[in-house]
Structure formats: C-alpha cells, structure tokens
Amino acid sequence: MKATMIKISILYPNNPDSRFDLPYYLDTHMPMSIRLLGAHPGFRGVSVEQGLGGAMPGSAAAYIVMCHFLFDSQDSFMAALMPHATVLQGDMPNYTDIDPIIQVSDVLIAQ
C-alpha cells in the first residue's frame, strides 16, 4: 500500500521532573516552526496535542505534548527542516528540558 503522506511525530514524554513551557511552545516556537517548515511546497499540515490522561481514568498521559507534521515525503520534510534545524533545535531550551521521541510514519489512511 502506497503512503498518501508521511507524518513526523515529535513526542515529549510526560516526565514528572521535567519542564515544559506550553504557552511559549504554542505562542512562540510553533508559529516559528510553521512559518519556516510550512514554506516548503511538500508541507501538508501540522497539529499539536496536549496529553490529558492515560488509558485508565485518573492516570497520567504518556506524553505531555505531541506535535505531528505532515509532508508529502520524508525527502520533503528533510528539505524543509535542514536549513532551519539549528534555529529550531536551538529554541528547545526555551520551552523544555525533555529529549523528545521522534518517529516518522507512513500515513496509510486519512480522512
């Protein structure tokens, strides 16, 4: 099955001793990321989600925040990212001390 697009997920584990400045992330980092990466013709979209809970009622979310970029291909994402990687990665200490988990996935079904 051919992928319709790819998703780059940036997952921030919900570590109790970690810092995550959600207002900075939403108001400063993400607008900058969208401006820089969204200029590439392969950009298809982005979403940001805040974890509210786990599978069991009252349990903690596995991830405090998840960001998902959609691109036509992994090559498109890399072409969009590489000119701006230093700036985007350099901004991370302004909002978190968490080492994110990054996953690239084929999007096989999207509606």
C-alpha atoms as a PDB file:
ATOM      1  CA  MET A   1       0.000   0.000   0.000  1.00  0.00           C
ATOM      2  CA  LYS A   2       1.467   3.361  -1.003  1.00  0.00           C
ATOM      3  CA  ALA A   3       1.567   6.069   1.640  1.00  0.00           C
ATOM      4  CA  THR A   4      -0.569   9.126   0.979  1.00  0.00           C
ATOM      5  CA  MET A   5       1.841  11.256   3.012  1.00  0.00           C
ATOM      6  CA  ILE A   6       4.248  10.961   5.905  1.00  0.00           C
ATOM      7  CA  LYS A   7       3.864  12.123   9.484  1.00  0.00           C
ATOM      8  CA  ILE A   8       6.753  13.264  11.649  1.00  0.00           C
ATOM      9  CA  SER A   9       5.732  12.900  15.277  1.00  0.00           C
ATOM     10  CA  ILE A  10       7.664  14.755  17.960  1.00  0.00           C
ATOM     11  CA  LEU A  11       6.623  13.241  21.278  1.00  0.00           C
ATOM     12  CA  TYR A  12       7.533  14.793  24.628  1.00  0.00           C
ATOM     13  CA  PRO A  13       7.358  12.131  27.380  1.00  0.00           C
ATOM     14  CA  ASN A  14       5.469  13.176  30.498  1.00  0.00           C
ATOM     15  CA  ASN A  15       8.340  13.013  32.968  1.00  0.00           C
ATOM     16  CA  PRO A  16       7.301  14.370  36.393  1.00  0.00           C
ATOM     17  CA  ASP A  17      10.620  16.150  36.993  1.00  0.00           C
ATOM     18  CA  SER A  18      10.792  17.745  33.529  1.00  0.00           C
ATOM     19  CA  ARG A  19       9.889  21.263  32.445  1.00  0.00           C
ATOM     20  CA  PHE A  20       7.606  22.125  29.535  1.00  0.00           C
ATOM     21  CA  ASP A  21       6.502  25.736  28.970  1.00  0.00           C
ATOM     22  CA  LEU A  22       3.317  25.182  26.971  1.00  0.00           C
ATOM     23  CA  PRO A  23       2.483  28.896  26.426  1.00  0.00           C
ATOM     24  CA  TYR A  24       5.973  29.534  24.985  1.00  0.00           C
ATOM     25  CA  TYR A  25       5.701  26.429  22.805  1.00  0.00           C
ATOM     26  CA  LEU A  26       2.273  27.396  21.440  1.00  0.00           C
ATOM     27  CA  ASP A  27       2.832  31.162  21.137  1.00  0.00           C
ATOM     28  CA  THR A  28       6.476  31.326  20.011  1.00  0.00           C
ATOM     29  CA  HIS A  29       8.075  28.037  18.991  1.00  0.00           C
ATOM     30  CA  MET A  30       5.243  26.557  16.945  1.00  0.00           C
ATOM     31  CA  PRO A  31       4.448  29.730  14.959  1.00  0.00           C
ATOM     32  CA  MET A  32       8.164  29.935  14.094  1.00  0.00           C
ATOM     33  CA  SER A  33       8.218  26.233  13.134  1.00  0.00           C
ATOM     34  CA  ILE A  34       5.113  26.588  10.982  1.00  0.00           C
ATOM     35  CA  ARG A  35       6.493  29.698   9.271  1.00  0.00           C
ATOM     36  CA  LEU A  36       9.831  28.021   8.487  1.00  0.00           C
ATOM     37  CA  LEU A  37       8.697  24.497   7.599  1.00  0.00           C
ATOM     38  CA  GLY A  38       5.339  25.493   6.144  1.00  0.00           C
ATOM     39  CA  ALA A  39       7.040  27.477   3.381  1.00  0.00           C
ATOM     40  CA  HIS A  40       8.157  24.214   1.742  1.00  0.00           C
ATOM     41  CA  PRO A  41       5.821  23.003  -1.052  1.00  0.00           C
ATOM     42  CA  GLY A  42       5.733  19.494   0.458  1.00  0.00           C
ATOM     43  CA  PHE A  43       4.191  20.733   3.722  1.00  0.00           C
ATOM     44  CA  ARG A  44       0.670  19.353   4.219  1.00  0.00           C
ATOM     45  CA  GLY A  45      -0.192  20.385   7.788  1.00  0.00           C
ATOM     46  CA  VAL A  46       0.601  20.281  11.473  1.00  0.00           C
ATOM     47  CA  SER A  47      -1.187  19.529  14.716  1.00  0.00           C
ATOM     48  CA  VAL A  48      -0.227  19.904  18.366  1.00  0.00           C
ATOM     49  CA  GLU A  49      -1.875  17.876  21.105  1.00  0.00           C
ATOM     50  CA  GLN A  50      -1.637  18.135  24.884  1.00  0.00           C
ATOM     51  CA  GLY A  51      -1.859  14.852  26.781  1.00  0.00           C
ATOM     52  CA  LEU A  52      -4.711  14.775  29.287  1.00  0.00           C
ATOM     53  CA  GLY A  53      -4.609  11.237  30.633  1.00  0.00           C
ATOM     54  CA  GLY A  54      -3.773   7.613  30.093  1.00  0.00           C
ATOM     55  CA  ALA A  55      -5.887   4.539  29.399  1.00  0.00           C
ATOM     56  CA  MET A  56      -7.049   4.208  32.997  1.00  0.00           C
ATOM     57  CA  PRO A  57      -9.194   7.019  34.432  1.00  0.00           C
ATOM     58  CA  GLY A  58      -7.035   9.311  36.539  1.00  0.00           C
ATOM     59  CA  SER A  59      -3.739   8.011  35.131  1.00  0.00           C
ATOM     60  CA  ALA A  60      -1.145  10.353  33.684  1.00  0.00           C
ATOM     61  CA  ALA A  61      -0.730  10.856  29.942  1.00  0.00           C
ATOM     62  CA  ALA A  62       2.292   9.115  28.427  1.00  0.00           C
ATOM     63  CA  TYR A  63       3.218  12.333  26.595  1.00  0.00           C
ATOM     64  CA  ILE A  64       2.778  15.880  27.832  1.00  0.00           C
ATOM     65  CA  VAL A  65       2.715  17.234  24.261  1.00  0.00           C
ATOM     66  CA  MET A  66       2.756  15.680  20.802  1.00  0.00           C
ATOM     67  CA  CYS A  67       3.443  17.570  17.588  1.00  0.00           C
ATOM     68  CA  HIS A  68       2.687  15.994  14.208  1.00  0.00           C
ATOM     69  CA  PHE A  69       3.940  17.465  10.924  1.00  0.00           C
ATOM     70  CA  LEU A  70       2.523  16.145   7.657  1.00  0.00           C
ATOM     71  CA  PHE A  71       4.601  16.217   4.472  1.00  0.00           C
ATOM     72  CA  ASP A  72       4.382  14.689   1.005  1.00  0.00           C
ATOM     73  CA  SER A  73       7.504  12.626   1.670  1.00  0.00           C
ATOM     74  CA  GLN A  74      10.384  12.202   4.064  1.00  0.00           C
ATOM     75  CA  ASP A  75      12.626  13.923   1.500  1.00  0.00           C
ATOM     76  CA  SER A  76      10.283  16.940   1.521  1.00  0.00           C
ATOM     77  CA  PHE A  77      10.438  17.092   5.305  1.00  0.00           C
ATOM     78  CA  MET A  78      14.233  16.901   5.345  1.00  0.00           C
ATOM     79  CA  ALA A  79      14.467  19.597   2.650  1.00  0.00           C
ATOM     80  CA  ALA A  80      12.192  21.836   4.736  1.00  0.00           C
ATOM     81  CA  LEU A  81      13.970  21.110   8.031  1.00  0.00           C
ATOM     82  CA  MET A  82      17.673  21.165   7.223  1.00  0.00           C
ATOM     83  CA  PRO A  83      18.042  24.910   6.509  1.00  0.00           C
ATOM     84  CA  HIS A  84      16.311  25.665   9.838  1.00  0.00           C
ATOM     85  CA  ALA A  85      17.330  22.759  12.093  1.00  0.00           C
ATOM     86  CA  THR A  86      19.878  24.760  14.095  1.00  0.00           C
ATOM     87  CA  VAL A  87      17.375  27.542  14.845  1.00  0.00           C
ATOM     88  CA  LEU A  88      14.529  25.173  15.744  1.00  0.00           C
ATOM     89  CA  GLN A  89      16.654  22.868  17.887  1.00  0.00           C
ATOM     90  CA  GLY A  90      18.353  25.881  19.476  1.00  0.00           C
ATOM     91  CA  ASP A  91      14.966  27.165  20.652  1.00  0.00           C
ATOM     92  CA  MET A  92      14.155  23.958  22.546  1.00  0.00           C
ATOM     93  CA  PRO A  93      15.799  25.019  25.849  1.00  0.00           C
ATOM     94  CA  ASN A  94      13.386  27.970  25.896  1.00  0.00           C
ATOM     95  CA  TYR A  95      10.434  25.633  26.418  1.00  0.00           C
ATOM     96  CA  THR A  96      11.661  22.240  27.644  1.00  0.00           C
ATOM     97  CA  ASP A  97      14.403  20.077  29.069  1.00  0.00           C
ATOM     98  CA  ILE A  98      12.782  16.915  27.659  1.00  0.00           C
ATOM     99  CA  ASP A  99      14.542  14.893  24.962  1.00  0.00           C
ATOM    100  CA  PRO A 100      11.715  14.229  22.510  1.00  0.00           C
ATOM    101  CA  ILE A 101      10.999  10.926  20.836  1.00  0.00           C
ATOM    102  CA  ILE A 102      10.770  11.367  17.072  1.00  0.00           C
ATOM    103  CA  GLN A 103       9.006   8.956  14.775  1.00  0.00           C
ATOM    104  CA  VAL A 104       8.467   9.075  11.017  1.00  0.00           C
ATOM    105  CA  SER A 105       5.386   7.194   9.824  1.00  0.00           C
ATOM    106  CA  ASP A 106       3.588   6.456   6.580  1.00  0.00           C
ATOM    107  CA  VAL A 107       0.030   7.758   6.754  1.00  0.00           C
ATOM    108  CA  LEU A 108      -1.941   4.941   5.180  1.00  0.00           C
ATOM    109  CA  ILE A 109      -5.452   6.185   5.919  1.00  0.00           C
ATOM    110  CA  ALA A 110      -6.527   9.806   6.426  1.00  0.00           C
ATOM    111  CA  GLN A 111      -9.980  11.301   6.032  1.00  0.00           C
END
